[in-house]
């Protein structure tokens, strides 16, 4: 989630850009392979991903793999692994529009390849877990669920990774993983807690099941950029800005 220079017209041939795009494809592949694979395993070993044991296992797997993949890619591409993260950082001026488009394509490709490989490796013995709305949860509620959960995710990204004033050192990716796991526990039984259009796209493609797919694009693409705009507008301190004294004796 590093800041890239704006207006770089030679990005298409820039070696750093190529490496970053390839990294996004690989990182997203590994993230989705573990994330979707854990959901498939929970369906077989924990009595179903809809049980508390299965849901906890899936949440823990997502928390761990997100933390590791963001850490692994932070110095190469920023470790976005999520179109909602990429769009939010683009809206905040941290990534160029050209590079963000390449990132999203790479993320969708990585997710698709991961799910197609999982489908092949399981031989059809396990149903591909496609994000879907729970009974009684309509499309508007699903969009709102995904928007709020993604807002939570991106707010954490900005506070622990993007903001240069962060005071937690290199723990940002781990904390991002924690909030993903917590959100899976909170929203999984209702909307599936995708927070990531690429994470939803791969299973839909591999299973040819596109029901409610738009929910997992609209919700995150609203919540992610909104979180970025809120943090940038209210909490980000620009260089040269003098903060108010925090010692009560200074007032």
Protein backbone atom coordinates (compact mmCIF):
# COMPACT_ATOMS: atom_id res chain seq x y z
CA UNK A 1 0.00 0.00 0.00
CA UNK A 2 2.91 2.23 -0.73
CA UNK A 3 2.37 5.60 -2.33
CA UNK A 4 3.19 5.65 -6.02
CA UNK A 5 4.01 8.79 -7.98
CA UNK A 6 1.13 10.26 -9.92
CA UNK A 7 1.41 11.16 -13.58
CA UNK A 8 4.04 8.57 -14.46
CA UNK A 9 3.37 8.20 -18.19
CA UNK A 10 5.83 5.36 -18.74
CA UNK A 11 4.24 2.99 -16.23
CA UNK A 12 3.27 0.52 -18.96
CA UNK A 13 6.96 -0.23 -19.55
CA UNK A 14 8.20 0.43 -16.03
CA UNK A 15 9.84 -2.67 -14.57
CA UNK A 16 8.62 -1.79 -11.09
CA UNK A 17 5.04 -1.59 -12.34
CA UNK A 18 5.34 -4.99 -14.03
CA UNK A 19 6.70 -6.55 -10.86
CA UNK A 20 3.94 -4.96 -8.80
CA UNK A 21 1.19 -6.22 -11.10
CA UNK A 22 2.66 -9.73 -11.13
CA UNK A 23 2.90 -9.60 -7.35
CA UNK A 24 -0.78 -8.71 -7.07
CA UNK A 25 -1.69 -11.71 -9.23
CA UNK A 26 0.47 -14.10 -7.19
CA UNK A 27 -0.54 -12.69 -3.80
CA UNK A 28 -4.23 -12.79 -4.66
CA UNK A 29 -3.87 -16.34 -5.99
CA UNK A 30 -2.31 -17.49 -2.71
CA UNK A 31 -4.83 -15.56 -0.60
CA UNK A 32 -7.85 -16.97 -2.44
CA UNK A 33 -6.40 -20.48 -2.61
CA UNK A 34 -6.08 -20.55 1.19
CA UNK A 35 -9.28 -18.63 1.86
CA UNK A 36 -11.56 -20.61 -0.44
CA UNK A 37 -9.68 -23.82 0.36
CA UNK A 38 -10.33 -23.31 4.07
CA UNK A 39 -14.05 -22.87 3.37
CA UNK A 40 -14.06 -26.08 1.32
CA UNK A 41 -12.19 -27.94 4.06
CA UNK A 42 -14.56 -26.61 6.73
CA UNK A 43 -17.45 -27.99 4.72
CA UNK A 44 -15.98 -31.45 4.98
CA UNK A 45 -14.18 -31.53 8.32
CA UNK A 46 -16.07 -29.21 10.66
CA UNK A 47 -19.60 -30.26 9.89
CA UNK A 48 -20.06 -27.40 7.47
CA UNK A 49 -18.83 -23.85 7.14
CA UNK A 50 -22.19 -22.68 8.55
CA UNK A 51 -21.43 -24.14 11.98
CA UNK A 52 -19.64 -22.09 14.62
CA UNK A 53 -16.60 -24.34 14.33
CA UNK A 54 -16.54 -24.05 10.56
CA UNK A 55 -17.06 -20.29 10.62
CA UNK A 56 -14.28 -19.84 13.19
CA UNK A 57 -11.91 -21.96 11.14
CA UNK A 58 -12.66 -19.94 7.99
CA UNK A 59 -12.27 -16.63 9.85
CA UNK A 60 -8.95 -17.71 11.34
CA UNK A 61 -7.66 -18.88 7.96
CA UNK A 62 -8.61 -15.60 6.30
CA UNK A 63 -7.04 -13.57 9.11
CA UNK A 64 -3.75 -15.43 8.84
CA UNK A 65 -3.46 -15.48 5.07
CA UNK A 66 -4.40 -11.80 4.70
CA UNK A 67 -1.78 -10.81 7.28
CA UNK A 68 0.91 -12.86 5.56
CA UNK A 69 0.08 -11.84 1.98
CA UNK A 70 -0.15 -8.13 2.82
CA UNK A 71 3.20 -8.38 4.61
CA UNK A 72 4.72 -10.29 1.70
CA UNK A 73 3.61 -7.76 -0.90
CA UNK A 74 3.85 -4.50 1.01
CA UNK A 75 7.28 -3.59 -0.37
CA UNK A 76 6.52 -4.71 -3.94
CA UNK A 77 2.96 -3.75 -4.82
CA UNK A 78 1.52 -2.56 -1.53
CA UNK A 79 -0.13 -5.94 -0.96
CA UNK A 80 -3.61 -4.81 -2.01
CA UNK A 81 -5.07 -8.26 -2.95
CA UNK A 82 -8.47 -6.57 -3.11
CA UNK A 83 -10.07 -4.29 -5.75
CA UNK A 84 -11.82 -2.35 -2.98
CA UNK A 85 -8.46 -1.58 -1.37
CA UNK A 86 -7.02 -0.58 -4.73
CA UNK A 87 -9.95 1.69 -5.55
CA UNK A 88 -9.79 3.33 -2.14
CA UNK A 89 -6.07 4.01 -2.44
CA UNK A 90 -6.61 5.33 -5.97
CA UNK A 91 -9.29 7.73 -4.76
CA UNK A 92 -6.87 8.93 -2.09
CA UNK A 93 -4.14 9.57 -4.66
CA UNK A 94 -1.85 6.77 -3.46
CA UNK A 95 -1.95 4.77 -6.73
CA UNK A 96 -2.31 5.99 -10.29
CA UNK A 97 -5.50 5.15 -12.17
CA UNK A 98 -3.53 3.21 -14.78
CA UNK A 99 -1.78 1.06 -12.21
CA UNK A 100 -4.99 0.48 -10.26
CA UNK A 101 -6.68 -0.89 -13.40
CA UNK A 102 -3.80 -3.34 -13.88
CA UNK A 103 -3.97 -4.31 -10.22
CA UNK A 104 -7.68 -5.14 -10.42
CA UNK A 105 -7.18 -7.26 -13.53
CA UNK A 106 -4.30 -9.09 -11.84
CA UNK A 107 -6.38 -9.68 -8.70
CA UNK A 108 -9.28 -11.12 -10.70
CA UNK A 109 -6.90 -13.34 -12.65
CA UNK A 110 -5.20 -14.62 -9.51
CA UNK A 111 -8.53 -15.36 -7.83
CA UNK A 112 -9.91 -17.13 -10.89
CA UNK A 113 -6.83 -19.34 -11.30
CA UNK A 114 -6.87 -20.24 -7.61
CA UNK A 115 -10.51 -21.34 -7.71
CA UNK A 116 -10.14 -23.24 -10.98
CA UNK A 117 -7.18 -25.08 -9.48
CA UNK A 118 -9.15 -25.87 -6.32
CA UNK A 119 -12.02 -27.21 -8.41
CA UNK A 120 -9.56 -29.45 -10.26
CA UNK A 121 -7.74 -30.63 -7.14
CA UNK A 122 -10.96 -31.58 -5.33
CA UNK A 123 -12.33 -33.35 -8.37
CA UNK A 124 -15.80 -31.94 -7.79
CA UNK A 125 -16.09 -33.77 -4.48
CA UNK A 126 -16.59 -30.49 -2.64
CA UNK A 127 -18.97 -27.75 -3.72
CA UNK A 128 -17.25 -24.48 -4.54
CA UNK A 129 -18.24 -22.07 -1.73
CA UNK A 130 -19.79 -19.09 -3.52
CA UNK A 131 -20.68 -16.00 -1.52
CA UNK A 132 -24.44 -15.79 -1.13
CA UNK A 133 -26.94 -13.91 1.00
CA UNK A 134 -28.48 -15.77 3.90
CA UNK A 135 -32.19 -16.49 4.06
CA UNK A 136 -34.04 -13.33 5.02
CA UNK A 137 -31.19 -11.05 3.95
CA UNK A 138 -32.20 -9.06 0.87
CA UNK A 139 -29.93 -7.41 -1.65
CA UNK A 140 -30.09 -3.95 0.03
CA UNK A 141 -29.13 -5.46 3.38
CA UNK A 142 -26.37 -7.44 1.71
CA UNK A 143 -24.93 -4.36 0.06
CA UNK A 144 -25.02 -2.51 3.38
CA UNK A 145 -23.39 -5.42 5.19
CA UNK A 146 -20.56 -5.52 2.66
CA UNK A 147 -20.19 -1.74 2.64
CA UNK A 148 -19.89 -1.53 6.44
CA UNK A 149 -17.50 -4.49 6.69
CA UNK A 150 -15.31 -3.10 3.92
CA UNK A 151 -15.38 0.35 5.53
CA UNK A 152 -14.04 -1.31 8.68
CA UNK A 153 -11.32 -3.05 6.70
CA UNK A 154 -10.17 0.06 4.80
CA UNK A 155 -10.31 2.28 7.85
CA UNK A 156 -7.91 -0.16 9.50
CA UNK A 157 -5.68 -0.21 6.41
CA UNK A 158 -5.41 3.57 6.45
CA UNK A 159 -4.85 3.80 10.19
CA UNK A 160 -2.27 1.02 10.51
CA UNK A 161 -0.52 0.93 7.12
CA UNK A 162 -1.04 4.09 5.07
CA UNK A 163 -0.89 6.81 7.72
CA UNK A 164 2.78 7.79 8.23
CA UNK A 165 1.99 8.72 11.85
CA UNK A 166 1.05 5.14 12.76
CA UNK A 167 2.62 4.08 16.05
CA UNK A 168 2.40 0.31 15.68
CA UNK A 169 5.53 -0.19 13.59
CA UNK A 170 5.29 -3.08 11.15
CA UNK A 171 2.24 -4.67 12.77
CA UNK A 172 -0.18 -3.10 10.26
CA UNK A 173 -0.66 -6.21 8.08
CA UNK A 174 -1.30 -8.35 11.16
CA UNK A 175 -3.94 -5.93 12.41
CA UNK A 176 -5.53 -5.84 8.96
CA UNK A 177 -5.71 -9.63 9.10
CA UNK A 178 -7.32 -9.45 12.54
CA UNK A 179 -10.10 -7.16 11.33
CA UNK A 180 -10.75 -9.42 8.34
CA UNK A 181 -11.13 -12.40 10.66
CA UNK A 182 -13.41 -10.47 13.01
CA UNK A 183 -15.56 -9.30 10.11
CA UNK A 184 -15.91 -12.85 8.81
CA UNK A 185 -17.21 -13.89 12.21
CA UNK A 186 -19.60 -10.92 12.33
CA UNK A 187 -20.94 -10.91 8.78
CA UNK A 188 -20.25 -14.39 7.49
CA UNK A 189 -23.63 -15.84 8.51
CA UNK A 190 -25.48 -12.96 6.82
CA UNK A 191 -23.72 -11.76 3.67
CA UNK A 192 -20.71 -14.04 3.58
CA UNK A 193 -18.40 -11.18 4.59
CA UNK A 194 -16.51 -10.97 1.32
CA UNK A 195 -15.18 -7.40 1.59
CA UNK A 196 -13.32 -8.24 -1.62
CA UNK A 197 -14.81 -8.43 -5.13
CA UNK A 198 -11.93 -10.61 -6.33
CA UNK A 199 -12.53 -13.08 -3.48
CA UNK A 200 -16.15 -13.42 -4.64
CA UNK A 201 -15.38 -13.39 -8.37
CA UNK A 202 -13.14 -16.48 -8.45
CA UNK A 203 -15.62 -18.95 -6.91
CA UNK A 204 -18.44 -17.54 -9.05
CA UNK A 205 -16.40 -18.06 -12.20
CA UNK A 206 -15.27 -21.56 -11.25
CA UNK A 207 -18.83 -22.67 -10.43
CA UNK A 208 -20.64 -20.54 -13.04
CA UNK A 209 -22.86 -19.26 -10.24
CA UNK A 210 -23.32 -15.50 -10.55
CA UNK A 211 -26.33 -15.10 -8.24
CA UNK A 212 -26.06 -11.86 -6.24
CA UNK A 213 -22.51 -11.34 -7.55
CA UNK A 214 -23.19 -7.64 -7.99
CA UNK A 215 -23.75 -7.28 -4.25
CA UNK A 216 -20.12 -8.23 -3.64
CA UNK A 217 -18.95 -5.53 -6.01
CA UNK A 218 -21.28 -2.67 -5.10
CA UNK A 219 -20.96 -3.04 -1.32
CA UNK A 220 -17.15 -3.15 -1.10
CA UNK A 221 -16.74 -0.52 -3.81
CA UNK A 222 -18.88 1.85 -1.72
CA UNK A 223 -17.47 1.05 1.70
CA UNK A 224 -13.79 0.98 0.72
CA UNK A 225 -13.46 4.39 -0.96
CA UNK A 226 -15.78 5.93 1.64
CA UNK A 227 -13.46 4.79 4.43
CA UNK A 228 -10.50 6.24 2.57
CA UNK A 229 -12.23 9.57 2.05
CA UNK A 230 -13.29 9.74 5.70
CA UNK A 231 -9.82 8.93 6.99
CA UNK A 232 -8.08 11.23 4.52
CA UNK A 233 -10.48 14.06 5.25
CA UNK A 234 -10.74 13.79 9.03
CA UNK A 235 -7.73 11.99 10.43
CA UNK A 236 -4.79 12.21 8.02
CA UNK A 237 -2.32 14.93 8.97
CA UNK A 238 -0.53 16.37 5.96
CA UNK A 239 3.20 17.20 6.04
CA UNK A 240 3.84 20.56 7.61
CA UNK A 241 0.63 20.55 9.64
CA UNK A 242 1.23 21.36 13.30
CA UNK A 243 -0.81 19.16 15.59
CA UNK A 244 -2.49 20.61 18.65
CA UNK A 245 -0.64 19.96 21.92
CA UNK A 246 -1.73 16.83 23.71
CA UNK A 247 -0.53 17.87 27.17
CA UNK A 248 -3.39 19.39 29.12
CA UNK A 249 -1.01 21.96 30.64
CA UNK A 250 -0.41 23.48 27.18
CA UNK A 251 -4.00 24.67 26.79
